[in-house]
Amino acid sequence: MAFKPKTKEFKSTQGNDYTFQNVPNSKQAEILDKGTDSNGKILNTRMMPLMLEHVVVVPNGLTMDEFETWGELEEVTNAAFSFLRTGK
């Protein structure tokens, strides 16, 4: 079977719209390796930018500092991570 990207629309509690897209399994493994420490703990300074770069496709090119609040950054990147892991 060939990889077919799936997308999901997401609206934050702040009312902003985002589109998530999953990645091939090899890229997901790479993201997990880069975004966690040796014990598997997620490192925000690494994982959040990876979610914004590879999973959040609309708006494209977001950085952590473009979010007005930590709460929305955390909400969006957590939702993107959940989508990456489950496809839902």
N, C-alpha and C. Protein backbone atom coordinates (compact mmCIF):
# COMPACT_ATOMS: atom_id res chain seq x y z
N MET A 1 0.83 -1.19 0.00
CA MET A 1 0.00 0.00 0.00
C MET A 1 0.87 1.25 0.00
N ALA A 2 0.47 2.21 -0.73
CA ALA A 2 1.19 3.48 -0.78
C ALA A 2 0.61 4.45 0.24
N PHE A 3 1.45 5.29 0.77
CA PHE A 3 1.01 6.31 1.73
C PHE A 3 0.11 7.32 1.05
N LYS A 4 -1.03 7.58 1.66
CA LYS A 4 -1.96 8.60 1.18
C LYS A 4 -2.20 9.57 2.33
N PRO A 5 -1.74 10.81 2.22
CA PRO A 5 -1.90 11.76 3.31
C PRO A 5 -3.37 12.02 3.63
N LYS A 6 -3.64 12.14 4.92
CA LYS A 6 -4.97 12.51 5.41
C LYS A 6 -4.86 13.90 6.03
N THR A 7 -5.95 14.64 5.97
CA THR A 7 -5.97 15.96 6.58
C THR A 7 -7.12 16.05 7.57
N LYS A 8 -7.01 17.04 8.45
CA LYS A 8 -8.05 17.30 9.44
C LYS A 8 -8.12 18.80 9.66
N GLU A 9 -9.32 19.33 9.68
CA GLU A 9 -9.54 20.74 10.01
C GLU A 9 -9.63 20.85 11.53
N PHE A 10 -9.03 21.91 12.08
CA PHE A 10 -9.04 22.12 13.53
C PHE A 10 -9.29 23.59 13.80
N LYS A 11 -10.21 23.87 14.73
CA LYS A 11 -10.47 25.24 15.16
C LYS A 11 -10.09 25.35 16.64
N SER A 12 -9.20 26.27 16.94
CA SER A 12 -8.76 26.45 18.32
C SER A 12 -9.85 27.13 19.13
N THR A 13 -9.71 27.09 20.44
CA THR A 13 -10.68 27.77 21.30
C THR A 13 -10.63 29.28 21.10
N GLN A 14 -9.53 29.78 20.53
CA GLN A 14 -9.42 31.20 20.19
C GLN A 14 -10.15 31.54 18.90
N GLY A 15 -10.64 30.49 18.20
CA GLY A 15 -11.38 30.69 16.97
C GLY A 15 -10.53 30.69 15.70
N ASN A 16 -9.28 30.31 15.80
CA ASN A 16 -8.40 30.27 14.63
C ASN A 16 -8.46 28.90 13.97
N ASP A 17 -8.43 28.89 12.64
CA ASP A 17 -8.53 27.66 11.86
C ASP A 17 -7.15 27.16 11.44
N TYR A 18 -7.00 25.84 11.52
CA TYR A 18 -5.76 25.17 11.14
C TYR A 18 -6.10 23.92 10.35
N THR A 19 -5.19 23.50 9.50
CA THR A 19 -5.33 22.22 8.82
C THR A 19 -4.11 21.38 9.14
N PHE A 20 -4.36 20.16 9.58
CA PHE A 20 -3.30 19.20 9.88
C PHE A 20 -3.21 18.19 8.74
N GLN A 21 -2.00 17.70 8.50
CA GLN A 21 -1.79 16.64 7.52
C GLN A 21 -0.81 15.65 8.11
N ASN A 22 -1.13 14.36 7.99
CA ASN A 22 -0.20 13.37 8.54
C ASN A 22 0.99 13.18 7.60
N VAL A 23 1.96 12.44 8.08
CA VAL A 23 3.21 12.23 7.34
C VAL A 23 3.45 10.72 7.23
N PRO A 24 4.32 10.29 6.32
CA PRO A 24 4.64 8.86 6.24
C PRO A 24 5.25 8.35 7.55
N ASN A 25 5.13 7.05 7.78
CA ASN A 25 5.62 6.45 9.02
C ASN A 25 7.10 6.74 9.28
N SER A 26 7.91 6.75 8.24
CA SER A 26 9.33 7.01 8.43
C SER A 26 9.57 8.43 8.95
N LYS A 27 8.79 9.39 8.46
CA LYS A 27 8.91 10.77 8.92
C LYS A 27 8.38 10.88 10.35
N GLN A 28 7.28 10.17 10.65
CA GLN A 28 6.75 10.19 12.01
C GLN A 28 7.79 9.66 13.00
N ALA A 29 8.47 8.58 12.64
CA ALA A 29 9.51 8.03 13.51
C ALA A 29 10.63 9.05 13.72
N GLU A 30 11.00 9.73 12.65
CA GLU A 30 12.05 10.75 12.73
C GLU A 30 11.62 11.89 13.66
N ILE A 31 10.36 12.33 13.53
CA ILE A 31 9.84 13.40 14.39
C ILE A 31 9.85 12.96 15.85
N LEU A 32 9.41 11.74 16.11
CA LEU A 32 9.40 11.25 17.49
C LEU A 32 10.81 11.16 18.06
N ASP A 33 11.76 10.72 17.25
CA ASP A 33 13.15 10.64 17.71
C ASP A 33 13.71 12.02 18.02
N LYS A 34 13.42 13.00 17.18
CA LYS A 34 13.94 14.35 17.37
C LYS A 34 13.25 15.09 18.51
N GLY A 35 11.97 14.79 18.73
CA GLY A 35 11.18 15.57 19.69
C GLY A 35 11.11 15.01 21.10
N THR A 36 11.82 13.90 21.35
CA THR A 36 11.80 13.31 22.69
C THR A 36 13.21 13.10 23.21
N ASP A 37 13.30 12.99 24.53
CA ASP A 37 14.61 12.72 25.12
C ASP A 37 14.88 11.21 25.13
N SER A 38 15.97 10.79 25.73
CA SER A 38 16.35 9.37 25.71
C SER A 38 15.38 8.48 26.49
N ASN A 39 14.54 9.09 27.32
CA ASN A 39 13.53 8.34 28.08
C ASN A 39 12.15 8.41 27.43
N GLY A 40 12.06 9.04 26.27
CA GLY A 40 10.78 9.14 25.58
C GLY A 40 9.92 10.31 26.00
N LYS A 41 10.46 11.19 26.85
CA LYS A 41 9.71 12.36 27.29
C LYS A 41 9.71 13.42 26.19
N ILE A 42 8.53 13.96 25.90
CA ILE A 42 8.40 14.99 24.87
C ILE A 42 9.08 16.27 25.34
N LEU A 43 9.87 16.84 24.46
CA LEU A 43 10.55 18.11 24.73
C LEU A 43 9.87 19.20 23.91
N ASN A 44 9.20 20.13 24.60
CA ASN A 44 8.42 21.16 23.91
C ASN A 44 9.26 21.97 22.92
N THR A 45 10.49 22.31 23.30
CA THR A 45 11.30 23.16 22.43
C THR A 45 11.67 22.45 21.13
N ARG A 46 11.56 21.15 21.11
CA ARG A 46 11.84 20.40 19.89
C ARG A 46 10.56 19.95 19.19
N MET A 47 9.60 19.43 19.98
CA MET A 47 8.41 18.84 19.38
C MET A 47 7.46 19.88 18.79
N MET A 48 7.26 20.98 19.49
CA MET A 48 6.33 22.00 18.99
C MET A 48 6.73 22.52 17.60
N PRO A 49 7.99 22.91 17.40
CA PRO A 49 8.38 23.35 16.06
C PRO A 49 8.22 22.25 15.00
N LEU A 50 8.45 21.00 15.38
CA LEU A 50 8.28 19.90 14.43
C LEU A 50 6.82 19.74 14.03
N MET A 51 5.91 19.91 14.99
CA MET A 51 4.47 19.84 14.67
C MET A 51 4.09 20.98 13.73
N LEU A 52 4.59 22.17 14.01
CA LEU A 52 4.26 23.33 13.17
C LEU A 52 4.86 23.20 11.77
N GLU A 53 6.02 22.58 11.68
CA GLU A 53 6.68 22.44 10.37
C GLU A 53 6.09 21.31 9.53
N HIS A 54 5.81 20.18 10.15
CA HIS A 54 5.45 18.99 9.38
C HIS A 54 3.98 18.61 9.41
N VAL A 55 3.23 19.02 10.42
CA VAL A 55 1.84 18.57 10.56
C VAL A 55 0.85 19.70 10.32
N VAL A 56 1.12 20.89 10.83
CA VAL A 56 0.23 22.03 10.59
C VAL A 56 0.58 22.60 9.22
N VAL A 57 -0.32 22.38 8.25
CA VAL A 57 -0.02 22.81 6.89
C VAL A 57 -0.73 24.09 6.49
N VAL A 58 -1.78 24.46 7.23
CA VAL A 58 -2.48 25.74 7.00
C VAL A 58 -2.78 26.33 8.37
N PRO A 59 -2.30 27.53 8.65
CA PRO A 59 -1.39 28.32 7.83
C PRO A 59 0.00 27.69 7.82
N ASN A 60 0.67 27.85 6.72
CA ASN A 60 1.97 27.24 6.51
C ASN A 60 3.07 28.12 7.11
N GLY A 61 4.11 27.48 7.63
CA GLY A 61 5.29 28.20 8.08
C GLY A 61 5.16 28.88 9.44
N LEU A 62 4.22 28.43 10.27
CA LEU A 62 4.07 29.03 11.60
C LEU A 62 5.29 28.74 12.47
N THR A 63 5.58 29.68 13.35
CA THR A 63 6.60 29.47 14.38
C THR A 63 5.94 29.59 15.74
N MET A 64 6.62 29.15 16.76
CA MET A 64 6.08 29.21 18.12
C MET A 64 5.76 30.65 18.52
N ASP A 65 6.58 31.58 18.11
CA ASP A 65 6.43 32.97 18.55
C ASP A 65 5.30 33.71 17.85
N GLU A 66 4.69 33.11 16.84
CA GLU A 66 3.58 33.76 16.16
C GLU A 66 2.26 33.59 16.89
N PHE A 67 2.21 32.73 17.89
CA PHE A 67 1.00 32.54 18.68
C PHE A 67 0.92 33.61 19.75
N GLU A 68 -0.28 34.16 19.94
CA GLU A 68 -0.45 35.22 20.94
C GLU A 68 -0.30 34.70 22.36
N THR A 69 -0.72 33.44 22.58
CA THR A 69 -0.65 32.89 23.94
C THR A 69 -0.01 31.50 23.91
N TRP A 70 0.58 31.15 25.04
CA TRP A 70 1.11 29.80 25.20
C TRP A 70 -0.03 28.79 25.10
N GLY A 71 -1.18 29.14 25.65
CA GLY A 71 -2.33 28.24 25.66
C GLY A 71 -2.73 27.79 24.26
N GLU A 72 -2.79 28.73 23.32
CA GLU A 72 -3.17 28.35 21.97
C GLU A 72 -2.06 27.54 21.29
N LEU A 73 -0.82 27.93 21.50
CA LEU A 73 0.31 27.16 20.95
C LEU A 73 0.24 25.73 21.45
N GLU A 74 0.04 25.56 22.74
CA GLU A 74 -0.02 24.23 23.33
C GLU A 74 -1.23 23.45 22.81
N GLU A 75 -2.38 24.12 22.72
CA GLU A 75 -3.60 23.46 22.22
C GLU A 75 -3.40 22.96 20.79
N VAL A 76 -2.87 23.81 19.92
CA VAL A 76 -2.71 23.46 18.51
C VAL A 76 -1.66 22.36 18.35
N THR A 77 -0.52 22.49 18.99
CA THR A 77 0.53 21.49 18.81
C THR A 77 0.15 20.15 19.45
N ASN A 78 -0.58 20.18 20.57
CA ASN A 78 -1.06 18.92 21.17
C ASN A 78 -2.07 18.24 20.25
N ALA A 79 -2.98 19.02 19.66
CA ALA A 79 -3.96 18.46 18.73
C ALA A 79 -3.27 17.91 17.49
N ALA A 80 -2.25 18.61 17.01
CA ALA A 80 -1.50 18.14 15.84
C ALA A 80 -0.77 16.83 16.17
N PHE A 81 -0.19 16.76 17.36
CA PHE A 81 0.51 15.54 17.77
C PHE A 81 -0.47 14.37 17.88
N SER A 82 -1.63 14.62 18.46
CA SER A 82 -2.65 13.59 18.58
C SER A 82 -3.07 13.10 17.18
N PHE A 83 -3.26 14.02 16.25
CA PHE A 83 -3.62 13.65 14.89
C PHE A 83 -2.50 12.84 14.23
N LEU A 84 -1.27 13.25 14.45
CA LEU A 84 -0.13 12.53 13.90
C LEU A 84 -0.13 11.08 14.38
N ARG A 85 -0.38 10.88 15.66
CA ARG A 85 -0.31 9.55 16.26
C ARG A 85 -1.52 8.68 15.90
N THR A 86 -2.72 9.29 15.81
CA THR A 86 -3.94 8.49 15.66
C THR A 86 -4.62 8.64 14.31
N GLY A 87 -4.35 9.74 13.61
CA GLY A 87 -5.05 10.00 12.35
C GLY A 87 -6.46 10.52 12.56
N LYS A 88 -6.77 10.87 13.81
CA LYS A 88 -8.12 11.38 14.15
C LYS A 88 -8.04 12.73 14.81
